[in-house]
Amino acid sequence: LKRLIEIALVHNRDMRVAVLNIEQARAAYQVRKADELPTVGAGLSAQRQAGAGGSLVTSYAAGLQITSFEIDFFGRVRSLSQAALSQYLATEEARKTVQIALVAAVANTYIAVLADDETLRVTRETLKAREESYKLTRLKFDNGATSEIDFRQAEQLVEGARAELARAQRQRMQDENALV
């Protein structure tokens, strides 16, 4: 059961979508969180030129710039950041919900297959007992020790057991296919 659950978690499309949604929400949160801080750029440059009279002139330039920053007087940027965090956390919880539902479905189907196996075992034993009873009833009927009604009832019980076996086998195959 553990191995089946592991396989289902790895190969389930809904789980992959949930994980991708989490990554998307995490990236959106990181972008919003970065909006709270100023974007700073720094630069340094040096230049040499030939000046008048063959002298060399060297000039240096340094700069610091804030390319974008919004002063958050009313909390808009912080609110957007909190909203992105909430979305990220909600997406994570949605993934957990998908995971729990998937594990429950695999476990329920596994248990159904085990129950089907037990039903098949009991049905086969019932069919075997009914066939033996039918043979005895036929022998009695052929020798005149029982009525045709008893013989037909035994025959009907055998056919009913065969039909139940076929139904149980069909159910087992359906449950097994659902598991795979």
Protein backbone atom coordinates (compact mmCIF):
# COMPACT_ATOMS: atom_id res chain seq x y z
CA LEU A 1 0.00 0.00 0.00
CA LYS A 2 2.83 2.40 0.85
CA ARG A 3 4.51 1.74 -2.49
CA LEU A 4 1.23 2.29 -4.36
CA ILE A 5 0.71 5.59 -2.56
CA GLU A 6 4.26 6.70 -3.42
CA ILE A 7 3.69 5.86 -7.10
CA ALA A 8 0.35 7.69 -7.12
CA LEU A 9 1.87 10.80 -5.54
CA VAL A 10 4.71 10.89 -8.05
CA HIS A 11 2.65 10.22 -11.17
CA ASN A 12 -0.63 11.98 -10.42
CA ARG A 13 -1.32 14.92 -12.74
CA ASP A 14 -3.33 16.85 -10.13
CA MET A 15 -0.40 16.68 -7.73
CA ARG A 16 1.97 18.01 -10.39
CA VAL A 17 -0.41 20.89 -11.12
CA ALA A 18 -0.69 21.65 -7.39
CA VAL A 19 3.10 21.75 -7.02
CA LEU A 20 3.42 24.06 -10.04
CA ASN A 21 0.75 26.35 -8.57
CA ILE A 22 2.74 26.50 -5.34
CA GLU A 23 5.87 27.48 -7.24
CA GLN A 24 3.94 30.20 -9.06
CA ALA A 25 2.46 31.55 -5.82
CA ARG A 26 5.88 31.46 -4.14
CA ALA A 27 7.41 33.47 -7.00
CA ALA A 28 4.55 36.01 -6.85
CA TYR A 29 5.10 36.35 -3.10
CA GLN A 30 8.83 36.89 -3.54
CA VAL A 31 8.19 39.60 -6.14
CA ARG A 32 5.71 41.36 -3.83
CA LYS A 33 8.10 41.06 -0.89
CA ALA A 34 10.88 42.59 -3.02
CA ASP A 35 8.61 45.57 -3.79
CA GLU A 36 8.89 46.61 -0.13
CA LEU A 37 12.61 47.34 -0.56
CA PRO A 38 14.17 50.00 -2.77
CA THR A 39 15.99 48.98 -5.92
CA VAL A 40 19.51 50.34 -5.67
CA GLY A 41 22.10 50.58 -8.41
CA ALA A 42 25.75 51.56 -8.10
CA GLY A 43 28.29 52.33 -10.75
CA LEU A 44 31.95 53.25 -11.00
CA SER A 45 33.80 54.25 -14.12
CA ALA A 46 37.23 55.54 -15.06
CA GLN A 47 38.29 57.21 -18.27
CA ARG A 48 41.70 58.27 -19.68
CA GLN A 49 42.12 60.77 -22.45
CA ALA A 50 44.99 62.44 -24.14
CA GLY A 51 44.91 66.08 -23.15
CA ALA A 52 46.52 69.19 -24.52
CA GLY A 53 50.27 69.04 -24.83
CA GLY A 54 50.44 65.22 -24.72
CA SER A 55 49.39 64.94 -21.11
CA LEU A 56 47.10 62.24 -19.91
CA VAL A 57 43.88 63.18 -18.18
CA THR A 58 42.17 60.59 -15.97
CA SER A 59 38.66 61.11 -14.76
CA TYR A 60 36.67 59.00 -12.33
CA ALA A 61 32.93 58.86 -11.84
CA ALA A 62 30.92 57.07 -9.18
CA GLY A 63 27.21 56.96 -8.83
CA LEU A 64 24.50 55.57 -6.65
CA GLN A 65 20.92 55.53 -7.76
CA ILE A 66 17.59 54.34 -6.49
CA THR A 67 15.75 53.24 -9.59
CA SER A 68 12.37 52.59 -8.02
CA PHE A 69 10.96 52.89 -4.56
CA GLU A 70 7.51 53.65 -3.32
CA ILE A 71 7.14 55.13 0.12
CA ASP A 72 4.36 53.07 1.67
CA PHE A 73 2.43 55.69 3.60
CA PHE A 74 -0.88 53.83 3.51
CA GLY A 75 0.37 50.24 3.59
CA ARG A 76 -0.54 49.36 -0.01
CA VAL A 77 2.73 47.61 -0.80
CA ARG A 78 2.71 45.74 2.52
CA SER A 79 -0.92 44.71 1.94
CA LEU A 80 -0.06 43.38 -1.52
CA SER A 81 2.81 41.45 0.03
CA GLN A 82 0.52 40.00 2.71
CA ALA A 83 -2.06 39.08 0.06
CA ALA A 84 0.63 37.27 -1.95
CA LEU A 85 1.73 35.43 1.20
CA SER A 86 -1.86 34.41 1.92
CA GLN A 87 -2.26 33.17 -1.64
CA TYR A 88 0.95 31.17 -1.33
CA LEU A 89 -0.18 29.59 1.94
CA ALA A 90 -3.63 28.82 0.49
CA THR A 91 -2.00 27.16 -2.52
CA GLU A 92 0.15 25.05 -0.20
CA GLU A 93 -2.94 23.95 1.71
CA ALA A 94 -4.68 23.11 -1.57
CA ARG A 95 -1.74 20.85 -2.43
CA LYS A 96 -2.07 19.13 0.93
CA THR A 97 -5.79 18.64 0.28
CA VAL A 98 -5.09 17.07 -3.12
CA GLN A 99 -2.44 14.85 -1.55
CA ILE A 100 -4.74 13.68 1.25
CA ALA A 101 -7.57 12.97 -1.20
CA LEU A 102 -5.21 11.00 -3.45
CA VAL A 103 -3.85 8.93 -0.55
CA ALA A 104 -7.41 8.21 0.64
CA ALA A 105 -8.52 7.15 -2.84
CA VAL A 106 -5.55 4.80 -3.26
CA ALA A 107 -6.06 3.30 0.21
CA ASN A 108 -9.82 2.83 -0.33
CA THR A 109 -9.25 1.13 -3.68
CA TYR A 110 -6.54 -1.08 -2.19
CA ILE A 111 -8.88 -2.15 0.60
CA ALA A 112 -11.62 -2.79 -1.97
CA VAL A 113 -9.27 -5.09 -3.90
CA LEU A 114 -8.44 -7.00 -0.70
CA ALA A 115 -12.17 -7.32 0.05
CA ASP A 116 -12.75 -8.51 -3.52
CA ASP A 117 -10.10 -11.19 -3.05
CA GLU A 118 -11.85 -12.42 0.08
CA THR A 119 -15.24 -12.34 -1.67
CA LEU A 120 -13.79 -14.39 -4.52
CA ARG A 121 -12.39 -16.95 -2.11
CA VAL A 122 -15.73 -17.36 -0.32
CA THR A 123 -17.66 -17.45 -3.61
CA ARG A 124 -15.40 -20.18 -5.00
CA GLU A 125 -15.88 -22.24 -1.84
CA THR A 126 -19.65 -21.71 -2.05
CA LEU A 127 -19.70 -22.81 -5.69
CA LYS A 128 -17.68 -25.91 -4.85
CA ALA A 129 -20.07 -26.82 -2.01
CA ARG A 130 -23.13 -26.22 -4.22
CA GLU A 131 -21.68 -28.36 -7.01
CA GLU A 132 -21.07 -31.21 -4.54
CA SER A 133 -24.59 -30.82 -3.21
CA TYR A 134 -25.92 -30.82 -6.78
CA LYS A 135 -24.08 -34.08 -7.55
CA LEU A 136 -25.63 -35.72 -4.50
CA THR A 137 -29.11 -34.40 -5.34
CA ARG A 138 -28.75 -35.61 -8.95
CA LEU A 139 -27.72 -39.03 -7.72
CA LYS A 140 -30.77 -39.11 -5.42
CA PHE A 141 -33.02 -37.89 -8.25
CA ASP A 142 -31.67 -40.49 -10.70
CA ASN A 143 -32.41 -43.22 -8.11
CA GLY A 144 -35.85 -41.83 -7.26
CA ALA A 145 -34.96 -40.77 -3.72
CA THR A 146 -35.79 -37.07 -4.23
CA SER A 147 -38.23 -35.00 -6.26
CA GLU A 148 -37.54 -33.07 -9.43
CA ILE A 149 -38.24 -29.84 -7.50
CA ASP A 150 -35.31 -30.55 -5.14
CA PHE A 151 -33.13 -31.42 -8.12
CA ARG A 152 -34.04 -28.15 -9.94
CA GLN A 153 -33.45 -26.13 -6.77
CA ALA A 154 -29.96 -27.61 -6.42
CA GLU A 155 -29.34 -26.86 -10.09
CA GLN A 156 -30.54 -23.28 -9.58
CA LEU A 157 -28.24 -22.81 -6.57
CA VAL A 158 -25.24 -23.92 -8.65
CA GLU A 159 -26.10 -21.52 -11.46
CA GLY A 160 -26.61 -18.71 -8.95
CA ALA A 161 -23.20 -19.41 -7.42
CA ARG A 162 -21.60 -19.36 -10.89
CA ALA A 163 -23.25 -16.02 -11.65
CA GLU A 164 -22.06 -14.60 -8.32
CA LEU A 165 -18.52 -15.81 -9.06
CA ALA A 166 -18.59 -14.06 -12.44
CA ARG A 167 -19.88 -10.85 -10.81
CA ALA A 168 -17.17 -11.02 -8.11
CA GLN A 169 -14.46 -11.56 -10.72
CA ARG A 170 -15.73 -8.60 -12.75
CA GLN A 171 -15.77 -6.40 -9.63
CA ARG A 172 -12.22 -7.48 -8.73
CA MET A 173 -10.98 -6.55 -12.20
CA GLN A 174 -12.69 -3.13 -12.04
CA ASP A 175 -11.18 -2.37 -8.64
CA GLU A 176 -7.75 -3.55 -9.74
CA ASN A 177 -7.92 -1.36 -12.86
CA ALA A 178 -8.86 1.61 -10.68
CA LEU A 179 -5.80 0.93 -8.56
CA VAL A 180 -3.48 0.82 -11.54
